[in-house]
C-alpha atoms as a PDB file:
ATOM      1  CA  MET A   1      10.602  10.624   4.147  1.00  0.00           C
ATOM      2  CA  SER A   2       9.860  14.188   4.315  1.00  0.00           C
ATOM      3  CA  ASP A   3      10.107  17.152   1.816  1.00  0.00           C
ATOM      4  CA  THR A   4       8.977  20.135   3.214  1.00  0.00           C
ATOM      5  CA  ASP A   5      11.749  22.244   0.516  1.00  0.00           C
ATOM      6  CA  GLY A   6      10.321  23.853  -1.881  1.00  0.00           C
ATOM      7  CA  ILE A   7       7.041  25.595   0.122  1.00  0.00           C
ATOM      8  CA  GLU A   8       7.443  28.512   0.374  1.00  0.00           C
ATOM      9  CA  THR A   9       5.362  29.469   4.302  1.00  0.00           C
ATOM     10  CA  ALA A  10       3.400  32.874   4.987  1.00  0.00           C
ATOM     11  CA  ASP A  11       4.324  35.041   8.534  1.00  0.00           C
ATOM     12  CA  ILE A  12       0.197  35.211   9.524  1.00  0.00           C
ATOM     13  CA  ASP A  13      -1.192  35.513  13.442  1.00  0.00           C
ATOM     14  CA  GLY A  14      -1.654  32.534  14.802  1.00  0.00           C
ATOM     15  CA  SER A  15      -5.948  33.382  16.031  1.00  0.00           C
ATOM     16  CA  GLU A  16      -7.385  31.464  13.099  1.00  0.00           C
ATOM     17  CA  GLN A  17      -4.511  28.662  11.927  1.00  0.00           C
ATOM     18  CA  SER A  18      -5.621  24.949  11.636  1.00  0.00           C
ATOM     19  CA  THR A  19      -3.510  22.316  11.804  1.00  0.00           C
ATOM     20  CA  ALA A  20      -4.400  18.808  10.678  1.00  0.00           C
ATOM     21  CA  ARG A  21      -2.842  16.103   7.298  1.00  0.00           C
ATOM     22  CA  TYR A  22      -4.056  17.345   4.078  1.00  0.00           C
ATOM     23  CA  VAL A  23      -3.775  15.720   0.328  1.00  0.00           C
ATOM     24  CA  VAL A  24      -3.703  17.918  -2.375  1.00  0.00           C
ATOM     25  CA  THR A  25      -5.983  17.408  -4.383  1.00  0.00           C
ATOM     26  CA  ASN A  26      -6.473  19.830  -7.014  1.00  0.00           C
ATOM     27  CA  ALA A  27      -3.083  22.190  -8.433  1.00  0.00           C
ATOM     28  CA  ASP A  28      -2.265  24.904 -11.174  1.00  0.00           C
ATOM     29  CA  ALA A  29       0.401  26.756 -11.424  1.00  0.00           C
ATOM     30  CA  ASP A  30      -1.963  29.824  -9.452  1.00  0.00           C
ATOM     31  CA  THR A  31      -3.791  27.567  -7.051  1.00  0.00           C
ATOM     32  CA  ALA A  32      -4.127  24.776  -5.034  1.00  0.00           C
ATOM     33  CA  VAL A  33      -6.539  22.480  -3.817  1.00  0.00           C
ATOM     34  CA  LEU A  34      -5.887  20.027  -0.002  1.00  0.00           C
ATOM     35  CA  ARG A  35      -8.533  18.648   2.448  1.00  0.00           C
ATOM     36  CA  ASP A  36      -8.125  17.704   5.342  1.00  0.00           C
ATOM     37  CA  ILE A  37      -8.116  13.707   5.273  1.00  0.00           C
ATOM     38  CA  ASP A  38      -9.708  13.639   9.230  1.00  0.00           C
ATOM     39  CA  SER A  39     -12.963  16.473   8.659  1.00  0.00           C
ATOM     40  CA  GLY A  40     -13.387  16.200   5.173  1.00  0.00           C
ATOM     41  CA  GLN A  41     -13.087  19.932   5.054  1.00  0.00           C
ATOM     42  CA  VAL A  42     -11.998  21.540   1.653  1.00  0.00           C
ATOM     43  CA  HIS A  43      -9.657  25.041   1.463  1.00  0.00           C
ATOM     44  CA  THR A  44      -8.607  27.035  -1.552  1.00  0.00           C
ATOM     45  CA  LEU A  45      -4.834  28.029  -1.539  1.00  0.00           C
ATOM     46  CA  ALA A  46      -4.358  31.525  -2.294  1.00  0.00           C
ATOM     47  CA  ASP A  47      -1.664  30.905  -4.437  1.00  0.00           C
ATOM     48  CA  ASN A  48       0.124  28.341  -5.181  1.00  0.00           C
ATOM     49  CA  PRO A  49       3.754  26.874  -2.719  1.00  0.00           C
ATOM     50  CA  GLY A  50       4.860  24.563  -5.278  1.00  0.00           C
ATOM     51  CA  ILE A  51       2.802  21.936  -4.049  1.00  0.00           C
ATOM     52  CA  GLU A  52       1.479  19.127  -6.665  1.00  0.00           C
ATOM     53  CA  VAL A  53      -1.435  17.037  -6.341  1.00  0.00           C
ATOM     54  CA  GLY A  54      -1.087  13.661  -4.844  1.00  0.00           C
ATOM     55  CA  ASP A  55       1.188  15.285  -2.714  1.00  0.00           C
ATOM     56  CA  VAL A  56       0.204  15.117   1.625  1.00  0.00           C
ATOM     57  CA  LEU A  57       0.531  17.860   4.040  1.00  0.00           C
ATOM     58  CA  ASP A  58       1.005  18.054   7.664  1.00  0.00           C
ATOM     59  CA  ALA A  59       0.540  21.586   7.779  1.00  0.00           C
ATOM     60  CA  THR A  60      -1.022  25.104   9.238  1.00  0.00           C
ATOM     61  CA  LEU A  61      -3.315  27.649   6.442  1.00  0.00           C
ATOM     62  CA  ALA A  62      -3.971  29.788   7.392  1.00  0.00           C
ATOM     63  CA  PRO A  63      -7.085  32.012   6.315  1.00  0.00           C
ATOM     64  CA  GLU A  64      -5.624  34.967   3.629  1.00  0.00           C
ATOM     65  CA  PRO A  65      -5.992  38.726   4.483  1.00  0.00           C
ATOM     66  CA  PRO A  66      -8.695  40.556   3.902  1.00  0.00           C
ATOM     67  CA  LEU A  67     -11.099  38.590   2.607  1.00  0.00           C
ATOM     68  CA  GLU A  68     -10.215  35.449   4.431  1.00  0.00           C
ATOM     69  CA  ILE A  69     -11.750  33.346   1.421  1.00  0.00           C
ATOM     70  CA  ALA A  70      -9.016  31.517   1.006  1.00  0.00           C
ATOM     71  CA  ASP A  71      -5.753  29.898   2.933  1.00  0.00           C
ATOM     72  CA  ARG A  72      -2.254  30.015   2.665  1.00  0.00           C
ATOM     73  CA  ILE A  73       0.125  27.130   3.778  1.00  0.00           C
ATOM     74  CA  VAL A  74       1.989  28.546   7.717  1.00  0.00           C
ATOM     75  CA  ALA A  75       3.962  25.913   8.584  1.00  0.00           C
ATOM     76  CA  VAL A  76       4.792  22.901   6.726  1.00  0.00           C
ATOM     77  CA  ALA A  77       6.046  19.457   8.785  1.00  0.00           C
ATOM     78  CA  GLU A  78       5.928  16.743   6.665  1.00  0.00           C
ATOM     79  CA  ARG A  79       5.659  15.861   2.803  1.00  0.00           C
ATOM     80  CA  ARG A  80       5.083  13.406   1.097  1.00  0.00           C
ATOM     81  CA  HIS A  81       3.180  12.254  -2.331  1.00  0.00           C
ATOM     82  CA  VAL A  82       1.530   9.922  -3.254  1.00  0.00           C
ATOM     83  CA  ARG A  83       1.840   7.979  -7.066  1.00  0.00           C
ATOM     84  CA  ARG A  84      -1.102   5.276  -7.566  1.00  0.00           C
ATOM     85  CA  HIS A  85      -0.891   3.981 -10.886  1.00  0.00           C
ATOM     86  CA  GLU A  86      -2.363   0.566 -12.534  1.00  0.00           C
ATOM     87  CA  SER A  87       0.707  -2.510 -12.221  1.00  0.00           C
ATOM     88  CA  GLU A  88       0.034  -4.927 -15.023  1.00  0.00           C
ATOM     89  CA  GLU A  89       1.133  -7.349 -12.378  1.00  0.00           C
ATOM     90  CA  PRO A  90      -2.253  -9.728 -11.843  1.00  0.00           C
ATOM     91  CA  PRO A  91      -3.510  -9.862  -7.904  1.00  0.00           C
ATOM     92  CA  THR A  92      -1.425 -12.626  -5.959  1.00  0.00           C
ATOM     93  CA  ALA A  93      -2.388 -15.913  -4.991  1.00  0.00           C
ATOM     94  CA  HIS A  94      -3.118 -14.319  -1.920  1.00  0.00           C
ATOM     95  CA  GLU A  95      -6.031 -11.491  -3.212  1.00  0.00           C
ATOM     96  CA  ARG A  96      -7.287 -13.955  -5.757  1.00  0.00           C
ATOM     97  CA  GLU A  97      -8.311 -16.573  -2.147  1.00  0.00           C
ATOM     98  CA  ILE A  98      -9.767 -13.394  -0.793  1.00  0.00           C
ATOM     99  CA  ALA A  99     -11.624 -12.306  -3.947  1.00  0.00           C
ATOM    100  CA  ALA A 100     -13.382 -16.442  -4.203  1.00  0.00           C
ATOM    101  CA  ASP A 101     -14.578 -16.455  -0.956  1.00  0.00           C
ATOM    102  CA  GLN A 102     -15.715 -13.412  -1.477  1.00  0.00           C
ATOM    103  CA  ALA A 103     -19.531 -11.613  -3.364  1.00  0.00           C
ATOM    104  CA  VAL A 104     -19.615  -9.541  -6.121  1.00  0.00           C
ATOM    105  CA  GLY A 105     -18.939  -5.657  -4.651  1.00  0.00           C
ATOM    106  CA  GLU A 106     -18.153  -6.803  -1.176  1.00  0.00           C
ATOM    107  CA  LEU A 107     -14.523  -5.404  -0.920  1.00  0.00           C
ATOM    108  CA  THR A 108     -11.669  -7.190   1.816  1.00  0.00           C
ATOM    109  CA  ARG A 109      -8.872  -4.904   3.883  1.00  0.00           C
ATOM    110  CA  ARG A 110      -5.948  -7.062   5.708  1.00  0.00           C
ATOM    111  CA  GLU A 111      -3.295  -5.512   6.712  1.00  0.00           C
ATOM    112  CA  ARG A 112       0.148  -6.185   4.429  1.00  0.00           C
ATOM    113  CA  ALA A 113       2.998  -8.049   5.751  1.00  0.00           C
ATOM    114  CA  GLY A 114       5.327  -5.231   6.444  1.00  0.00           C
ATOM    115  CA  MET A 115       3.769  -1.772   6.084  1.00  0.00           C
ATOM    116  CA  GLY A 116       0.318  -0.876   4.274  1.00  0.00           C
ATOM    117  CA  GLU A 117      -2.839  -3.161   4.113  1.00  0.00           C
ATOM    118  CA  ILE A 118      -4.097  -4.565   0.873  1.00  0.00           C
ATOM    119  CA  HIS A 119      -7.369  -4.579  -0.027  1.00  0.00           C
ATOM    120  CA  VAL A 120      -9.666  -6.214  -2.816  1.00  0.00           C
ATOM    121  CA  ILE A 121     -12.623  -5.970  -4.197  1.00  0.00           C
ATOM    122  CA  THR A 122     -14.672  -7.927  -5.999  1.00  0.00           C
ATOM    123  CA  VAL A 123     -16.533  -6.960  -9.217  1.00  0.00           C
ATOM    124  CA  PRO A 124     -18.881  -8.509 -12.216  1.00  0.00           C
ATOM    125  CA  PRO A 125     -15.449  -8.968 -14.497  1.00  0.00           C
ATOM    126  CA  ALA A 126     -16.285  -7.029 -17.687  1.00  0.00           C
ATOM    127  CA  GLU A 127     -16.531  -3.448 -14.968  1.00  0.00           C
ATOM    128  CA  THR A 128     -12.552  -4.760 -14.113  1.00  0.00           C
ATOM    129  CA  ALA A 129     -11.632  -2.121 -15.381  1.00  0.00           C
ATOM    130  CA  ASP A 130     -13.534   0.799 -16.030  1.00  0.00           C
ATOM    131  CA  ALA A 131     -13.120  -0.411 -11.405  1.00  0.00           C
ATOM    132  CA  VAL A 132      -9.803   0.127 -11.836  1.00  0.00           C
ATOM    133  CA  GLN A 133     -10.108   3.251 -13.147  1.00  0.00           C
ATOM    134  CA  ASP A 134     -12.331   4.675 -10.164  1.00  0.00           C
ATOM    135  CA  VAL A 135      -9.549   3.727  -7.473  1.00  0.00           C
ATOM    136  CA  LEU A 136      -7.544   5.127  -9.319  1.00  0.00           C
ATOM    137  CA  ASP A 137      -9.474   8.885  -9.731  1.00  0.00           C
ATOM    138  CA  ASP A 138     -11.174   8.625  -5.889  1.00  0.00           C
ATOM    139  CA  ASP A 139      -9.249  11.237  -3.962  1.00  0.00           C
ATOM    140  CA  GLY A 140     -10.643   8.718  -1.810  1.00  0.00           C
ATOM    141  CA  THR A 141      -7.893   6.644  -2.427  1.00  0.00           C
ATOM    142  CA  LEU A 142      -5.340   9.385  -1.706  1.00  0.00           C
ATOM    143  CA  GLU A 143      -6.706  10.533   1.802  1.00  0.00           C
ATOM    144  CA  ARG A 144      -6.850   6.481   2.798  1.00  0.00           C
ATOM    145  CA  ALA A 145      -3.288   6.621   1.708  1.00  0.00           C
ATOM    146  CA  ALA A 146      -2.625   9.579   3.738  1.00  0.00           C
ATOM    147  CA  ARG A 147      -3.412   8.321   6.256  1.00  0.00           C
ATOM    148  CA  MET A 148      -0.761   5.654   6.603  1.00  0.00           C
ATOM    149  CA  ASP A 149       2.905   7.459   7.462  1.00  0.00           C
ATOM    150  CA  ASP A 150       4.828   5.791   5.980  1.00  0.00           C
ATOM    151  CA  VAL A 151       2.644   5.005   2.340  1.00  0.00           C
ATOM    152  CA  VAL A 152       3.797   6.852  -0.538  1.00  0.00           C
ATOM    153  CA  ARG A 153       3.293   4.062  -3.076  1.00  0.00           C
ATOM    154  CA  VAL A 154      -0.551   3.070  -4.263  1.00  0.00           C
ATOM    155  CA  GLU A 155      -0.540  -0.063  -6.541  1.00  0.00           C
ATOM    156  CA  VAL A 156      -3.673  -1.592  -8.430  1.00  0.00           C
ATOM    157  CA  ARG A 157      -3.439  -5.051 -10.201  1.00  0.00           C
ATOM    158  CA  SER A 158      -7.045  -6.797 -11.517  1.00  0.00           C
ATOM    159  CA  ASP A 159      -7.782  -9.571 -13.287  1.00  0.00           C
ATOM    160  CA  PRO A 160     -10.562  -8.846 -15.806  1.00  0.00           C
ATOM    161  CA  GLU A 161     -11.608 -13.374 -16.139  1.00  0.00           C
ATOM    162  CA  THR A 162     -12.323 -13.161 -12.213  1.00  0.00           C
ATOM    163  CA  GLY A 163     -13.545  -9.401 -11.206  1.00  0.00           C
ATOM    164  CA  THR A 164     -10.427  -9.066  -8.681  1.00  0.00           C
ATOM    165  CA  VAL A 165      -8.986  -5.337  -7.652  1.00  0.00           C
ATOM    166  CA  SER A 166      -6.152  -5.464  -5.417  1.00  0.00           C
ATOM    167  CA  VAL A 167      -5.651  -2.274  -4.462  1.00  0.00           C
ATOM    168  CA  ARG A 168      -2.087  -2.194  -2.296  1.00  0.00           C
ATOM    169  CA  TYR A 169      -1.025   0.919  -0.362  1.00  0.00           C
ATOM    170  CA  LEU A 170       2.812   0.392  -0.440  1.00  0.00           C
ATOM    171  CA  PRO A 171       6.383   2.359   1.439  1.00  0.00           C
END
């Protein structure tokens, strides 16, 4: 899914441009902050061209003259939004089986039938709610979703009785 409409781009000399996949980690009416998912480099935009937190952009950035301390989006090849949310559904039977076979603090990754991935984390039962919130708030969750081309939703399920947290990266 590509939505490049509504993003204003600028004509800038190509000498200092960088093209990568970025996640929008912060945004307000005046500016936005993007992180390159491969290098981890953080880019502050001189203005907000119509993007929001959770957007994933395959884009080209260039320094904003004359000081070149902020960047501007020059081109966007693809745009999608990744929604992160907590589900009221419990982890699946398969996810509960994975959790039962691992120690507290362990993480297991599995390809999902179809597209995406499932991550199963086992935590102390009393810390389940905090673990869910940590996953939802972590920019790393968004960055992992951005690496998977068709993922537009991250669903977090949990079982506080067993300390099972499943993170589902979904198309």
